[in-house]
Amino acid sequence: MTLVYPEEMGTERATRIEVFKALGDNTRYAIYLDLMQSSKSLASAEVAHTLGLHVNTVRPHLEKMREAGLLDLEIDANGGVGRPQHRYRLAMQAPSLGLEPAVFPIATRMLLRMAAAAGLGAAEAIEVGRDQGLGDGSPAASQSACVEAVQSRLAELGFDPTSVPTDEGVTMAFGHCPFRDLAEANPDLVCGLHQGLVEGLVEVAATGAASRFRGLVDRNPCQVDVLTDVLSSQSGPF
């Protein structure tokens, strides 16, 4: 019996075959799991170190998975001299391999629609995010520890934060938004949750305050100013 596929189905079938081939190798499967569990993009050297492999062994596997559409490549010049660093992360449409229930993003979208239908907006989202930040944060004993604590937690959540010193503290930029597709469709709610989360984390640190949150509609990447020379009791809304 011969199976005949429509043109678009044949394309999808060919793509899925390439994915299965890419993940059929044990080394590539291990690399894929490592990237799946990471909250940020990884350089080939970082992947090699985690898996105990030589970097020259890892690089062709990463490229093979990228060609199959499993990975996205980021080129990080980082302002340094020499060859730019290649970093990899899972592509948006990469399969979860059953490690992340497919219902999670569906449930998130439904909850956002419910919130919008109920008339909830940025103010309510900020409050919910702040409560989460207060629960997630850890006290800091110094101004530098405040920034480190906030940045560490946001890195764990996948926001890929970096900080640049300012006269009053730091400006923290977020190189990756794990909820970008949701934020583009619901900026008030999703960016409000992020804003409140940062505010709560800073408040728990008790040595600084957060101000001037610039979300997706204002700035790409999103940014926030963290003031480290004031007490948290002086902090207010962004």
C-alpha atoms as a PDB file:
ATOM      1  CA  MET A   1       0.000   0.000   0.000  1.00  0.00           C
ATOM      2  CA  THR A   2       1.305   3.443  -0.935  1.00  0.00           C
ATOM      3  CA  LEU A   3       0.549   6.404   1.308  1.00  0.00           C
ATOM      4  CA  VAL A   4       0.041   9.723  -0.467  1.00  0.00           C
ATOM      5  CA  TYR A   5       0.557  12.892   1.557  1.00  0.00           C
ATOM      6  CA  PRO A   6      -0.636  16.389   0.678  1.00  0.00           C
ATOM      7  CA  GLU A   7       2.246  18.762  -0.008  1.00  0.00           C
ATOM      8  CA  GLU A   8       2.109  20.426   3.413  1.00  0.00           C
ATOM      9  CA  MET A   9       1.799  17.083   5.198  1.00  0.00           C
ATOM     10  CA  GLY A  10       4.800  15.750   3.328  1.00  0.00           C
ATOM     11  CA  THR A  11       6.827  18.766   4.442  1.00  0.00           C
ATOM     12  CA  GLU A  12       5.769  18.277   8.057  1.00  0.00           C
ATOM     13  CA  ARG A  13       6.584  14.559   7.842  1.00  0.00           C
ATOM     14  CA  ALA A  14      10.061  15.284   6.421  1.00  0.00           C
ATOM     15  CA  THR A  15      10.699  17.811   9.207  1.00  0.00           C
ATOM     16  CA  ARG A  16       9.684  15.310  11.882  1.00  0.00           C
ATOM     17  CA  ILE A  17      11.967  12.675  10.372  1.00  0.00           C
ATOM     18  CA  GLU A  18      14.880  15.144  10.589  1.00  0.00           C
ATOM     19  CA  VAL A  19      14.031  15.785  14.247  1.00  0.00           C
ATOM     20  CA  PHE A  20      13.994  12.064  15.024  1.00  0.00           C
ATOM     21  CA  LYS A  21      17.314  11.611  13.244  1.00  0.00           C
ATOM     22  CA  ALA A  22      18.849  14.506  15.155  1.00  0.00           C
ATOM     23  CA  LEU A  23      17.775  13.100  18.522  1.00  0.00           C
ATOM     24  CA  GLY A  24      18.533   9.474  17.649  1.00  0.00           C
ATOM     25  CA  ASP A  25      22.169   9.928  18.631  1.00  0.00           C
ATOM     26  CA  ASN A  26      22.838   9.439  22.374  1.00  0.00           C
ATOM     27  CA  THR A  27      25.205  12.405  22.588  1.00  0.00           C
ATOM     28  CA  ARG A  28      22.793  14.772  20.866  1.00  0.00           C
ATOM     29  CA  TYR A  29      19.975  13.541  23.075  1.00  0.00           C
ATOM     30  CA  ALA A  30      22.056  14.308  26.185  1.00  0.00           C
ATOM     31  CA  ILE A  31      22.902  17.761  24.836  1.00  0.00           C
ATOM     32  CA  TYR A  32      19.244  18.410  24.075  1.00  0.00           C
ATOM     33  CA  LEU A  33      18.223  17.500  27.633  1.00  0.00           C
ATOM     34  CA  ASP A  34      20.960  19.753  29.035  1.00  0.00           C
ATOM     35  CA  LEU A  35      19.705  22.711  27.002  1.00  0.00           C
ATOM     36  CA  MET A  36      16.096  21.915  27.874  1.00  0.00           C
ATOM     37  CA  GLN A  37      16.869  22.094  31.595  1.00  0.00           C
ATOM     38  CA  SER A  38      18.842  25.346  31.288  1.00  0.00           C
ATOM     39  CA  SER A  39      17.160  28.699  31.932  1.00  0.00           C
ATOM     40  CA  LYS A  40      19.559  30.489  29.581  1.00  0.00           C
ATOM     41  CA  SER A  41      21.403  29.954  26.326  1.00  0.00           C
ATOM     42  CA  LEU A  42      24.616  27.925  26.609  1.00  0.00           C
ATOM     43  CA  ALA A  43      27.947  28.101  24.830  1.00  0.00           C
ATOM     44  CA  SER A  44      29.414  24.903  23.395  1.00  0.00           C
ATOM     45  CA  ALA A  45      32.113  24.972  26.101  1.00  0.00           C
ATOM     46  CA  GLU A  46      29.462  25.064  28.849  1.00  0.00           C
ATOM     47  CA  VAL A  47      27.617  22.097  27.345  1.00  0.00           C
ATOM     48  CA  ALA A  48      30.886  20.190  26.982  1.00  0.00           C
ATOM     49  CA  HIS A  49      31.827  20.845  30.614  1.00  0.00           C
ATOM     50  CA  THR A  50      28.449  19.655  31.934  1.00  0.00           C
ATOM     51  CA  LEU A  51      28.541  16.430  29.914  1.00  0.00           C
ATOM     52  CA  GLY A  52      32.253  15.739  30.372  1.00  0.00           C
ATOM     53  CA  LEU A  53      32.964  15.928  26.644  1.00  0.00           C
ATOM     54  CA  HIS A  54      35.528  17.775  24.553  1.00  0.00           C
ATOM     55  CA  VAL A  55      34.196  20.981  23.035  1.00  0.00           C
ATOM     56  CA  ASN A  56      35.209  19.835  19.554  1.00  0.00           C
ATOM     57  CA  THR A  57      32.934  16.816  20.046  1.00  0.00           C
ATOM     58  CA  VAL A  58      29.994  18.972  21.080  1.00  0.00           C
ATOM     59  CA  ARG A  59      30.120  21.626  18.350  1.00  0.00           C
ATOM     60  CA  PRO A  60      29.096  19.468  15.338  1.00  0.00           C
ATOM     61  CA  HIS A  61      26.250  17.938  17.342  1.00  0.00           C
ATOM     62  CA  LEU A  62      24.936  21.416  18.213  1.00  0.00           C
ATOM     63  CA  GLU A  63      25.084  22.433  14.572  1.00  0.00           C
ATOM     64  CA  LYS A  64      23.295  19.244  13.504  1.00  0.00           C
ATOM     65  CA  MET A  65      20.434  20.007  15.900  1.00  0.00           C
ATOM     66  CA  ARG A  66      20.333  23.619  14.755  1.00  0.00           C
ATOM     67  CA  GLU A  67      20.028  22.522  11.131  1.00  0.00           C
ATOM     68  CA  ALA A  68      17.113  20.283  12.146  1.00  0.00           C
ATOM     69  CA  GLY A  69      15.347  23.308  13.648  1.00  0.00           C
ATOM     70  CA  LEU A  70      15.736  22.176  17.261  1.00  0.00           C
ATOM     71  CA  LEU A  71      18.048  24.959  18.405  1.00  0.00           C
ATOM     72  CA  ASP A  72      18.391  28.694  17.920  1.00  0.00           C
ATOM     73  CA  LEU A  73      21.840  30.237  17.600  1.00  0.00           C
ATOM     74  CA  GLU A  74      22.799  33.449  19.380  1.00  0.00           C
ATOM     75  CA  ILE A  75      26.057  35.215  18.484  1.00  0.00           C
ATOM     76  CA  ASP A  76      27.445  37.073  21.482  1.00  0.00           C
ATOM     77  CA  ALA A  77      30.243  39.526  20.655  1.00  0.00           C
ATOM     78  CA  ASN A  78      30.178  40.711  24.293  1.00  0.00           C
ATOM     79  CA  GLY A  79      32.277  43.718  23.388  1.00  0.00           C
ATOM     80  CA  GLY A  80      35.443  41.637  23.528  1.00  0.00           C
ATOM     81  CA  VAL A  81      38.287  41.059  21.125  1.00  0.00           C
ATOM     82  CA  GLY A  82      38.385  37.995  18.925  1.00  0.00           C
ATOM     83  CA  ARG A  83      35.858  35.500  17.678  1.00  0.00           C
ATOM     84  CA  PRO A  84      32.229  36.064  18.800  1.00  0.00           C
ATOM     85  CA  GLN A  85      30.839  33.376  21.072  1.00  0.00           C
ATOM     86  CA  HIS A  86      28.105  31.111  19.753  1.00  0.00           C
ATOM     87  CA  ARG A  87      25.382  30.308  22.263  1.00  0.00           C
ATOM     88  CA  TYR A  88      22.486  27.878  21.816  1.00  0.00           C
ATOM     89  CA  ARG A  89      18.986  27.568  23.226  1.00  0.00           C
ATOM     90  CA  LEU A  90      15.978  25.436  22.359  1.00  0.00           C
ATOM     91  CA  ALA A  91      13.976  26.762  19.432  1.00  0.00           C
ATOM     92  CA  MET A  92      10.468  27.996  20.199  1.00  0.00           C
ATOM     93  CA  GLN A  93       8.864  25.049  18.366  1.00  0.00           C
ATOM     94  CA  ALA A  94      11.249  22.402  19.711  1.00  0.00           C
ATOM     95  CA  PRO A  95       9.438  19.354  21.169  1.00  0.00           C
ATOM     96  CA  SER A  96       9.310  19.103  24.951  1.00  0.00           C
ATOM     97  CA  LEU A  97       9.851  15.309  24.859  1.00  0.00           C
ATOM     98  CA  GLY A  98       7.091  14.990  27.425  1.00  0.00           C
ATOM     99  CA  LEU A  99       9.103  16.748  30.149  1.00  0.00           C
ATOM    100  CA  GLU A 100       6.788  19.763  30.147  1.00  0.00           C
ATOM    101  CA  PRO A 101       3.048  19.056  30.046  1.00  0.00           C
ATOM    102  CA  ALA A 102       1.563  20.579  26.907  1.00  0.00           C
ATOM    103  CA  VAL A 103      -1.389  21.804  28.959  1.00  0.00           C
ATOM    104  CA  PHE A 104       0.760  24.388  30.809  1.00  0.00           C
ATOM    105  CA  PRO A 105       0.988  26.999  28.026  1.00  0.00           C
ATOM    106  CA  ILE A 106      -2.645  26.353  27.111  1.00  0.00           C
ATOM    107  CA  ALA A 107      -3.718  26.887  30.715  1.00  0.00           C
ATOM    108  CA  THR A 108      -1.639  30.062  30.910  1.00  0.00           C
ATOM    109  CA  ARG A 109      -3.315  31.531  27.849  1.00  0.00           C
ATOM    110  CA  MET A 110      -6.766  30.658  29.182  1.00  0.00           C
ATOM    111  CA  LEU A 111      -5.997  32.259  32.551  1.00  0.00           C
ATOM    112  CA  LEU A 112      -4.779  35.426  30.843  1.00  0.00           C
ATOM    113  CA  ARG A 113      -7.982  35.595  28.803  1.00  0.00           C
ATOM    114  CA  MET A 114     -10.020  35.128  31.979  1.00  0.00           C
ATOM    115  CA  ALA A 115      -8.105  37.905  33.702  1.00  0.00           C
ATOM    116  CA  ALA A 116      -8.667  40.263  30.785  1.00  0.00           C
ATOM    117  CA  ALA A 117     -12.369  39.348  30.625  1.00  0.00           C
ATOM    118  CA  ALA A 118     -12.677  40.104  34.338  1.00  0.00           C
ATOM    119  CA  GLY A 119     -11.301  43.576  33.752  1.00  0.00           C
ATOM    120  CA  LEU A 120      -8.007  42.930  35.542  1.00  0.00           C
ATOM    121  CA  GLY A 121      -5.070  44.981  34.354  1.00  0.00           C
ATOM    122  CA  ALA A 122      -1.498  45.993  35.087  1.00  0.00           C
ATOM    123  CA  ALA A 123      -2.165  47.106  38.675  1.00  0.00           C
ATOM    124  CA  GLU A 124      -3.561  43.731  39.704  1.00  0.00           C
ATOM    125  CA  ALA A 125      -0.827  41.875  37.820  1.00  0.00           C
ATOM    126  CA  ILE A 126       1.885  43.902  39.564  1.00  0.00           C
ATOM    127  CA  GLU A 127       0.383  43.060  42.946  1.00  0.00           C
ATOM    128  CA  VAL A 128       0.302  39.323  42.155  1.00  0.00           C
ATOM    129  CA  GLY A 129       3.890  39.465  40.889  1.00  0.00           C
ATOM    130  CA  ARG A 130       5.012  41.355  43.983  1.00  0.00           C
ATOM    131  CA  ASP A 131       3.494  38.715  46.255  1.00  0.00           C
ATOM    132  CA  GLN A 132       5.388  36.033  44.324  1.00  0.00           C
ATOM    133  CA  GLY A 133       8.622  38.014  44.576  1.00  0.00           C
ATOM    134  CA  LEU A 134       8.181  38.456  48.326  1.00  0.00           C
ATOM    135  CA  GLY A 135       7.820  34.697  48.663  1.00  0.00           C
ATOM    136  CA  ASP A 136      10.733  33.875  46.356  1.00  0.00           C
ATOM    137  CA  GLY A 137      13.225  36.467  47.575  1.00  0.00           C
ATOM    138  CA  SER A 138      15.948  36.110  50.156  1.00  0.00           C
ATOM    139  CA  PRO A 139      17.269  38.821  52.530  1.00  0.00           C
ATOM    140  CA  ALA A 140      20.552  40.463  51.533  1.00  0.00           C
ATOM    141  CA  ALA A 141      23.166  41.785  53.949  1.00  0.00           C
ATOM    142  CA  SER A 142      24.675  44.380  51.607  1.00  0.00           C
ATOM    143  CA  GLN A 143      23.872  46.487  48.572  1.00  0.00           C
ATOM    144  CA  SER A 144      25.866  44.219  46.266  1.00  0.00           C
ATOM    145  CA  ALA A 145      24.140  41.160  47.739  1.00  0.00           C
ATOM    146  CA  CYS A 146      20.765  42.770  46.945  1.00  0.00           C
ATOM    147  CA  VAL A 147      21.606  42.959  43.257  1.00  0.00           C
ATOM    148  CA  GLU A 148      23.143  39.476  43.246  1.00  0.00           C
ATOM    149  CA  ALA A 149      20.111  37.942  44.966  1.00  0.00           C
ATOM    150  CA  VAL A 150      17.636  39.545  42.562  1.00  0.00           C
ATOM    151  CA  GLN A 151      19.725  38.739  39.493  1.00  0.00           C
ATOM    152  CA  SER A 152      20.274  35.138  40.603  1.00  0.00           C
ATOM    153  CA  ARG A 153      16.567  34.460  41.054  1.00  0.00           C
ATOM    154  CA  LEU A 154      15.636  36.055  37.731  1.00  0.00           C
ATOM    155  CA  ALA A 155      18.352  34.009  36.013  1.00  0.00           C
ATOM    156  CA  GLU A 156      16.826  30.836  37.475  1.00  0.00           C
ATOM    157  CA  LEU A 157      13.483  31.853  35.972  1.00  0.00           C
ATOM    158  CA  GLY A 158      15.031  32.277  32.534  1.00  0.00           C
ATOM    159  CA  PHE A 159      15.172  36.077  32.140  1.00  0.00           C
ATOM    160  CA  ASP A 160      18.950  36.108  31.478  1.00  0.00           C
ATOM    161  CA  PRO A 161      19.589  39.340  33.450  1.00  0.00           C
ATOM    162  CA  THR A 162      22.703  41.508  33.235  1.00  0.00           C
ATOM    163  CA  SER A 163      23.481  44.590  35.325  1.00  0.00           C
ATOM    164  CA  VAL A 164      25.288  47.816  34.493  1.00  0.00           C
ATOM    165  CA  PRO A 165      26.346  50.114  37.391  1.00  0.00           C
ATOM    166  CA  THR A 166      24.774  53.576  37.633  1.00  0.00           C
ATOM    167  CA  ASP A 167      25.293  56.478  40.028  1.00  0.00           C
ATOM    168  CA  GLU A 168      22.437  55.256  42.240  1.00  0.00           C
ATOM    169  CA  GLY A 169      22.668  51.490  41.798  1.00  0.00           C
ATOM    170  CA  VAL A 170      22.346  49.379  38.640  1.00  0.00           C
ATOM    171  CA  THR A 171      20.268  49.124  35.508  1.00  0.00           C
ATOM    172  CA  MET A 172      19.249  45.511  35.041  1.00  0.00           C
ATOM    173  CA  ALA A 173      18.404  44.358  31.514  1.00  0.00           C
ATOM    174  CA  PHE A 174      16.686  41.087  30.633  1.00  0.00           C
ATOM    175  CA  GLY A 175      18.163  39.403  27.574  1.00  0.00           C
ATOM    176  CA  HIS A 176      15.435  36.776  27.339  1.00  0.00           C
ATOM    177  CA  CYS A 177      11.756  36.754  28.179  1.00  0.00           C
ATOM    178  CA  PRO A 178      10.474  33.208  28.836  1.00  0.00           C
ATOM    179  CA  PHE A 179       6.942  34.521  28.296  1.00  0.00           C
ATOM    180  CA  ARG A 180       7.622  36.662  25.238  1.00  0.00           C
ATOM    181  CA  ASP A 181       4.802  35.348  23.046  1.00  0.00           C
ATOM    182  CA  LEU A 182       2.347  35.843  25.904  1.00  0.00           C
ATOM    183  CA  ALA A 183       3.788  39.288  26.703  1.00  0.00           C
ATOM    184  CA  GLU A 184       3.369  40.438  23.099  1.00  0.00           C
ATOM    185  CA  ALA A 185      -0.307  39.474  23.199  1.00  0.00           C
ATOM    186  CA  ASN A 186      -0.952  40.632  26.805  1.00  0.00           C
ATOM    187  CA  PRO A 187       1.691  43.255  27.706  1.00  0.00           C
ATOM    188  CA  ASP A 188      -0.211  44.842  30.608  1.00  0.00           C
ATOM    189  CA  LEU A 189      -0.783  41.548  32.390  1.00  0.00           C
ATOM    190  CA  VAL A 190       2.444  39.661  31.629  1.00  0.00           C
ATOM    191  CA  CYS A 191       4.837  42.613  31.921  1.00  0.00           C
ATOM    192  CA  GLY A 192       2.931  43.648  35.035  1.00  0.00           C
ATOM    193  CA  LEU A 193       3.624  40.243  36.593  1.00  0.00           C
ATOM    194  CA  HIS A 194       7.328  40.605  35.740  1.00  0.00           C
ATOM    195  CA  GLN A 195       7.422  44.133  37.138  1.00  0.00           C
ATOM    196  CA  GLY A 196       5.802  43.085  40.395  1.00  0.00           C
ATOM    197  CA  LEU A 197       8.092  40.075  40.694  1.00  0.00           C
ATOM    198  CA  VAL A 198      11.186  42.287  40.475  1.00  0.00           C
ATOM    199  CA  GLU A 199       9.729  44.752  42.952  1.00  0.00           C
ATOM    200  CA  GLY A 200       8.989  41.987  45.460  1.00  0.00           C
ATOM    201  CA  LEU A 201      12.449  40.441  45.110  1.00  0.00           C
ATOM    202  CA  VAL A 202      14.106  43.816  45.715  1.00  0.00           C
ATOM    203  CA  GLU A 203      11.831  44.542  48.660  1.00  0.00           C
ATOM    204  CA  VAL A 204      12.799  41.297  50.396  1.00  0.00           C
ATOM    205  CA  ALA A 205      16.493  42.157  49.965  1.00  0.00           C
ATOM    206  CA  ALA A 206      15.747  45.191  52.182  1.00  0.00           C
ATOM    207  CA  THR A 207      18.704  47.275  50.979  1.00  0.00           C
ATOM    208  CA  GLY A 208      17.309  48.856  47.840  1.00  0.00           C
ATOM    209  CA  ALA A 209      14.313  49.895  45.815  1.00  0.00           C
ATOM    210  CA  ALA A 210      13.183  49.346  42.253  1.00  0.00           C
ATOM    211  CA  SER A 211      12.124  52.097  39.885  1.00  0.00           C
ATOM    212  CA  ARG A 212      11.476  52.767  36.205  1.00  0.00           C
ATOM    213  CA  PHE A 213      10.521  49.358  34.917  1.00  0.00           C
ATOM    214  CA  ARG A 214      10.520  49.440  31.110  1.00  0.00           C
ATOM    215  CA  GLY A 215       8.507  46.552  29.730  1.00  0.00           C
ATOM    216  CA  LEU A 216       8.231  45.052  26.267  1.00  0.00           C
ATOM    217  CA  VAL A 217       6.209  47.949  24.835  1.00  0.00           C
ATOM    218  CA  ASP A 218       8.780  50.473  26.085  1.00  0.00           C
ATOM    219  CA  ARG A 219      12.108  48.753  25.660  1.00  0.00           C
ATOM    220  CA  ASN A 220      13.689  45.668  24.107  1.00  0.00           C
ATOM    221  CA  PRO A 221      15.233  44.136  26.121  1.00  0.00           C
ATOM    222  CA  CYS A 222      13.126  45.016  29.160  1.00  0.00           C
ATOM    223  CA  GLN A 223      14.967  46.950  31.857  1.00  0.00           C
ATOM    224  CA  VAL A 224      14.588  48.072  35.450  1.00  0.00           C
ATOM    225  CA  ASP A 225      16.612  50.458  37.611  1.00  0.00           C
ATOM    226  CA  VAL A 226      17.543  49.064  41.022  1.00  0.00           C
ATOM    227  CA  LEU A 227      18.493  51.771  43.515  1.00  0.00           C
ATOM    228  CA  THR A 228      20.874  50.366  46.120  1.00  0.00           C
ATOM    229  CA  ASP A 229      21.420  53.484  48.222  1.00  0.00           C
ATOM    230  CA  VAL A 230      17.940  53.682  49.762  1.00  0.00           C
ATOM    231  CA  LEU A 231      16.057  51.530  52.250  1.00  0.00           C
ATOM    232  CA  SER A 232      13.281  49.301  51.033  1.00  0.00           C
ATOM    233  CA  SER A 233      10.897  51.167  53.333  1.00  0.00           C
ATOM    234  CA  GLN A 234      11.241  54.087  50.922  1.00  0.00           C
ATOM    235  CA  SER A 235      10.336  52.008  47.894  1.00  0.00           C
ATOM    236  CA  GLY A 236       7.057  52.491  46.168  1.00  0.00           C
ATOM    237  CA  PRO A 237       5.425  51.489  42.949  1.00  0.00           C
ATOM    238  CA  PHE A 238       7.528  51.514  39.793  1.00  0.00           C
END
